[in-house]
Amino acid sequence: MIRAFVLDDERLAVQRLTRMLEATGRVTVLGSTTDPEAALIALRRDAPDVLFLDIQMPGLTGFDVLARLDRDVLVVFTTAYDQYALHAFDVNSVDYLLKPIDADRLTRALDRVEQRLGAEPRDVRALARALAAELAPNRKLERIASRVGERTTLLDVARITHFFAQDKLTFAVSGGRDHVIDFTLGQLEDRLDPRRFVRIHRATIVNLAFVQELYPGVDGVLARLKDDAKTELSVARDRVRDLKERLGI
C-alpha cells in the first residue's frame, strides 16, 4: 500500500481527495490537514511515501512547505494553476493533478508513484527552488515539455528552429522533428524571449538564430532556415519589415 499525506487549504478538497485515494484500494492515507505548519510536524513524524500538495495556500505556499521539509518525499501537486504553470511541472518531471481531480488521472499518478518507490527521491528543497523560479512573473521559457501519452520529452528552447500551428495543434520543431506542445502561438509570444523569437505568420514563430536568408517566393517573402532540411517558411507581408529589423537588415 502507498502511504500518503494530503495537504490543501480547502477542507472540502482534502476530504474529497482522501476519499478518492482510499477508494482506489491502493493507498493508506496516514494523515491530512489544511494547516501547513501542522503538516510539517506530521510529515516529520509519519514519513509517508508521497505528499499530495496544494501550492496556492495562504501563509505558507506549497513551495514553502517543501523548502522546510527535513527529508525527501515524492510529491504530487494538486493545483488549479493554468497551462503556463503546468509546463513548469512537466519540465521538472513532477507529477500533478489539475483541479477538479479526475479519477483516471489520479490512477495514472498513483502508477507513477509506484514506479518511483524505492528509487532515489528528488531533493525537495531543490525542487521547490526550481519550480518557484520557473513560475516567477515574466520568466521566459527556457525549456518546453512535449507530453505524448506517458512520455514527456524536454526541449531546449534555444534549439527549437520554429513553432507552427496546424489542425488545432501547436508544434515545436527541434532536430528536424515535430513535437506537440500544450501552448498556443499567442501564449508562446507572451512567454518566449522577444529578442530571439518573432512571429512571421499567423501560424508560425521563428527562432531568429536559425534564419539563414530571406528571398522572394511566388506568394511573397520566404525565410530559409539553417537546418538539415533547409526549411522554407512563409513570411506574411505585414510582418516582413519587423523580421528584417529584428535581423538587422
Protein backbone atom coordinates (compact mmCIF):
# COMPACT_ATOMS: atom_id res chain seq x y z
CA MET A 1 0.00 0.00 0.00
CA ILE A 2 1.15 3.52 -0.82
CA ARG A 3 1.36 5.67 2.32
CA ALA A 4 0.10 9.18 1.56
CA PHE A 5 -0.40 12.53 3.20
CA VAL A 6 -2.76 15.24 1.87
CA LEU A 7 -2.25 18.98 2.36
CA ASP A 8 -4.69 21.52 0.92
CA ASP A 9 -6.01 24.73 2.44
CA GLU A 10 -9.58 23.85 1.37
CA ARG A 11 -11.17 21.33 3.74
CA LEU A 12 -13.60 20.01 1.13
CA ALA A 13 -10.71 19.41 -1.27
CA VAL A 14 -8.85 17.45 1.44
CA GLN A 15 -11.91 15.33 2.18
CA ARG A 16 -12.64 14.64 -1.48
CA LEU A 17 -9.08 13.63 -2.37
CA THR A 18 -8.82 11.48 0.76
CA ARG A 19 -11.99 9.62 -0.25
CA MET A 20 -10.71 9.16 -3.81
CA LEU A 21 -7.36 7.82 -2.62
CA GLU A 22 -8.92 5.36 -0.18
CA ALA A 23 -11.43 4.22 -2.81
CA THR A 24 -8.59 3.03 -5.06
CA GLY A 25 -7.67 0.31 -2.55
CA ARG A 26 -4.02 1.16 -3.22
CA VAL A 27 -3.44 3.91 -0.68
CA THR A 28 -3.31 4.32 3.06
CA VAL A 29 -3.83 7.96 3.97
CA LEU A 30 -1.63 8.49 7.01
CA GLY A 31 -2.97 11.96 7.60
CA SER A 32 -4.40 15.12 6.08
CA THR A 33 -4.73 18.75 7.05
CA THR A 34 -5.47 22.27 5.85
CA ASP A 35 -2.69 23.71 8.03
CA PRO A 36 0.82 23.77 6.50
CA GLU A 37 2.53 24.09 9.89
CA ALA A 38 0.65 21.04 11.20
CA ALA A 39 1.57 19.21 8.00
CA LEU A 40 5.28 19.83 8.58
CA ILE A 41 5.07 18.27 12.04
CA ALA A 42 3.12 15.26 10.74
CA LEU A 43 5.44 14.73 7.77
CA ARG A 44 8.48 14.62 10.02
CA ARG A 45 6.73 12.13 12.30
CA ASP A 46 4.94 9.82 9.87
CA ALA A 47 7.30 9.70 6.83
CA PRO A 48 4.74 8.99 4.06
CA ASP A 49 5.74 7.71 0.63
CA VAL A 50 4.04 10.56 -1.19
CA LEU A 51 2.74 14.02 -0.38
CA PHE A 52 -0.32 15.31 -2.27
CA LEU A 53 0.34 19.02 -2.02
CA ASP A 54 -1.63 22.13 -2.91
CA ILE A 55 0.50 25.10 -4.00
CA GLN A 56 -1.64 28.19 -3.67
CA MET A 57 -2.21 28.39 0.08
CA PRO A 58 -2.28 31.43 2.38
CA GLY A 59 0.63 31.75 4.77
CA LEU A 60 3.00 29.01 3.67
CA THR A 61 2.73 28.07 -0.01
CA GLY A 62 3.34 24.53 -1.21
CA PHE A 63 6.86 25.57 -2.23
CA ASP A 64 7.49 26.97 1.26
CA VAL A 65 6.44 23.64 2.76
CA LEU A 66 8.85 21.73 0.51
CA ALA A 67 11.68 24.12 1.36
CA ARG A 68 11.18 23.45 5.08
CA LEU A 69 10.99 19.65 4.92
CA ASP A 70 13.92 17.84 6.52
CA ARG A 71 13.55 14.72 4.34
CA ASP A 72 12.88 13.95 0.71
CA VAL A 73 9.46 12.68 -0.32
CA LEU A 74 7.66 12.01 -3.59
CA VAL A 75 5.35 14.91 -4.42
CA VAL A 76 2.17 15.08 -6.49
CA PHE A 77 0.91 18.64 -6.79
CA THR A 78 -2.82 19.30 -6.68
CA THR A 79 -3.32 22.61 -8.39
CA ALA A 80 -5.69 24.93 -10.18
CA TYR A 81 -2.78 26.62 -11.95
CA ASP A 82 -3.09 27.47 -15.64
CA GLN A 83 -1.22 25.95 -18.58
CA TYR A 84 1.88 28.08 -18.05
CA ALA A 85 2.41 26.57 -14.61
CA LEU A 86 1.69 23.02 -15.72
CA HIS A 87 4.55 23.40 -18.18
CA ALA A 88 6.91 24.05 -15.26
CA PHE A 89 5.84 20.80 -13.59
CA ASP A 90 6.38 18.84 -16.83
CA VAL A 91 9.83 20.34 -17.32
CA ASN A 92 10.84 19.39 -13.78
CA SER A 93 9.48 15.84 -14.21
CA VAL A 94 6.96 16.35 -11.43
CA ASP A 95 3.50 14.86 -11.43
CA TYR A 96 0.45 17.00 -10.84
CA LEU A 97 -3.32 16.70 -10.61
CA LEU A 98 -5.31 19.56 -12.08
CA LYS A 99 -8.35 20.53 -10.02
CA PRO A 100 -11.05 19.30 -10.09
CA ILE A 101 -9.23 15.99 -9.84
CA ASP A 102 -10.25 13.27 -12.26
CA ALA A 103 -10.30 9.62 -11.10
CA ASP A 104 -8.49 8.33 -14.21
CA ARG A 105 -5.77 10.94 -13.87
CA LEU A 106 -5.38 10.02 -10.20
CA THR A 107 -4.90 6.39 -11.20
CA ARG A 108 -2.08 7.36 -13.57
CA ALA A 109 -0.46 9.46 -10.87
CA LEU A 110 -0.52 6.51 -8.47
CA ASP A 111 1.01 4.31 -11.17
CA ARG A 112 3.91 6.74 -11.41
CA VAL A 113 4.28 6.87 -7.63
CA GLU A 114 4.54 3.07 -7.50
CA GLN A 115 7.17 3.13 -10.26
CA ARG A 116 9.26 5.63 -8.31
CA LEU A 117 9.02 3.96 -4.91
CA GLY A 118 12.43 2.67 -3.92
CA ALA A 119 14.22 4.99 -6.31
CA GLU A 120 16.27 7.94 -5.12
CA PRO A 121 13.74 10.71 -4.36
CA ARG A 122 14.42 14.16 -5.71
CA ASP A 123 15.82 16.81 -3.36
CA VAL A 124 12.56 18.54 -2.41
CA ARG A 125 14.28 21.79 -1.47
CA ALA A 126 15.97 22.00 -4.87
CA LEU A 127 12.64 21.12 -6.48
CA ALA A 128 10.89 23.94 -4.61
CA ARG A 129 13.53 26.45 -5.72
CA ALA A 130 13.38 25.32 -9.35
CA LEU A 131 9.61 25.47 -9.58
CA ALA A 132 9.36 28.80 -7.77
CA ALA A 133 11.90 30.26 -10.21
CA GLU A 134 10.11 28.91 -13.29
CA LEU A 135 6.77 30.23 -12.07
CA ALA A 136 8.13 33.71 -11.29
CA PRO A 137 6.25 36.52 -13.07
CA ASN A 138 7.56 37.38 -16.56
CA ARG A 139 10.02 34.49 -16.63
CA LYS A 140 10.78 33.49 -20.21
CA LEU A 141 10.63 29.88 -21.32
CA GLU A 142 13.97 28.06 -21.46
CA ARG A 143 12.62 24.53 -21.86
CA ILE A 144 9.36 23.21 -23.22
CA ALA A 145 7.75 19.86 -22.46
CA SER A 146 6.18 17.76 -25.19
CA ARG A 147 3.91 15.27 -23.48
CA VAL A 148 2.55 12.38 -25.54
CA GLY A 149 0.79 9.66 -23.55
CA GLU A 150 3.02 8.69 -20.64
CA ARG A 151 6.19 10.03 -22.29
CA THR A 152 7.47 13.57 -21.74
CA THR A 153 10.24 14.99 -23.96
CA LEU A 154 12.03 18.12 -22.75
CA LEU A 155 13.09 20.54 -25.48
CA ASP A 156 15.76 23.22 -25.10
CA VAL A 157 14.08 26.38 -26.41
CA ALA A 158 17.37 27.66 -27.86
CA ARG A 159 17.49 24.62 -30.17
CA ILE A 160 13.94 24.96 -31.45
CA THR A 161 14.05 26.30 -35.02
CA HIS A 162 10.41 27.35 -35.16
CA PHE A 163 6.89 26.78 -33.89
CA PHE A 164 3.86 26.28 -36.07
CA ALA A 165 0.14 25.69 -35.67
CA GLN A 166 -1.71 23.12 -37.73
CA ASP A 167 -5.02 21.27 -37.33
CA LYS A 168 -5.69 22.94 -33.96
CA LEU A 169 -2.34 21.72 -32.58
CA THR A 170 0.90 23.57 -31.89
CA PHE A 171 4.27 22.04 -32.78
CA ALA A 172 7.84 22.85 -31.79
CA VAL A 173 10.45 21.80 -34.35
CA SER A 174 13.81 20.70 -33.00
CA GLY A 175 16.41 18.44 -34.56
CA GLY A 176 14.21 18.09 -37.61
CA ARG A 177 11.36 16.57 -35.61
CA ASP A 178 7.92 17.98 -34.85
CA HIS A 179 6.87 17.87 -31.19
CA VAL A 180 3.32 18.57 -30.00
CA ILE A 181 3.23 21.12 -27.18
CA ASP A 182 0.46 22.46 -24.96
CA PHE A 183 0.75 26.12 -25.90
CA THR A 184 -0.99 28.30 -28.44
CA LEU A 185 1.15 30.59 -30.57
CA GLY A 186 -0.35 33.54 -28.72
CA GLN A 187 0.76 32.10 -25.38
CA LEU A 188 4.22 31.43 -26.81
CA GLU A 189 4.53 35.05 -27.92
CA ASP A 190 3.98 36.07 -24.30
CA ARG A 191 6.45 33.56 -22.85
CA LEU A 192 9.31 33.44 -25.39
CA ASP A 193 12.23 35.86 -25.34
CA PRO A 194 11.30 38.52 -27.93
CA ARG A 195 14.99 39.08 -28.68
CA ARG A 196 15.23 35.52 -30.01
CA PHE A 197 11.78 34.70 -31.40
CA VAL A 198 9.46 36.58 -33.74
CA ARG A 199 6.09 35.75 -35.22
CA ILE A 200 6.36 35.82 -39.01
CA HIS A 201 2.93 34.46 -39.88
CA ARG A 202 -0.36 33.83 -38.09
CA ALA A 203 0.70 30.16 -37.94
CA THR A 204 4.47 30.49 -37.42
CA ILE A 205 7.02 31.76 -34.89
CA VAL A 206 10.68 31.53 -35.88
CA ASN A 207 13.93 31.41 -33.90
CA LEU A 208 15.98 34.30 -35.34
CA ALA A 209 19.21 32.38 -34.74
CA PHE A 210 18.17 29.85 -37.40
CA VAL A 211 17.19 32.27 -40.16
CA GLN A 212 19.77 31.94 -42.94
CA GLU A 213 18.29 34.05 -45.72
CA LEU A 214 15.23 35.88 -46.97
CA TYR A 215 14.21 35.76 -50.61
CA PRO A 216 11.14 36.38 -52.77
CA GLY A 217 8.77 33.48 -53.39
CA VAL A 218 5.71 33.03 -55.57
CA ASP A 219 3.32 34.40 -52.95
CA GLY A 220 5.67 36.69 -51.04
CA VAL A 221 8.83 36.53 -48.94
CA LEU A 222 10.27 33.21 -47.78
CA ALA A 223 12.71 32.58 -44.93
CA ARG A 224 15.16 29.70 -45.30
CA LEU A 225 16.41 28.16 -42.08
CA LYS A 226 19.83 26.83 -41.12
CA ASP A 227 18.69 23.26 -40.57
CA ASP A 228 19.35 19.97 -42.37
CA ALA A 229 16.07 20.19 -44.29
CA LYS A 230 16.73 23.82 -45.36
CA THR A 231 13.19 24.54 -44.23
CA GLU A 232 11.35 27.34 -46.03
CA LEU A 233 8.81 29.40 -44.09
CA SER A 234 6.36 31.92 -45.49
CA VAL A 235 6.59 35.44 -44.07
CA ALA A 236 3.33 37.40 -44.03
CA ARG A 237 3.57 40.68 -45.95
CA ASP A 238 2.72 42.76 -42.90
CA ARG A 239 5.49 41.08 -40.90
CA VAL A 240 8.38 41.36 -43.35
CA ARG A 241 9.56 44.77 -42.11
CA ASP A 242 9.58 43.67 -38.48
CA LEU A 243 11.52 40.50 -39.33
CA LYS A 244 14.12 42.44 -41.30
CA GLU A 245 14.55 44.93 -38.48
CA ARG A 246 14.97 42.13 -35.98
CA LEU A 247 17.60 40.55 -38.23
CA GLY A 248 19.38 43.88 -38.63
CA ILE A 249 18.90 44.08 -42.41
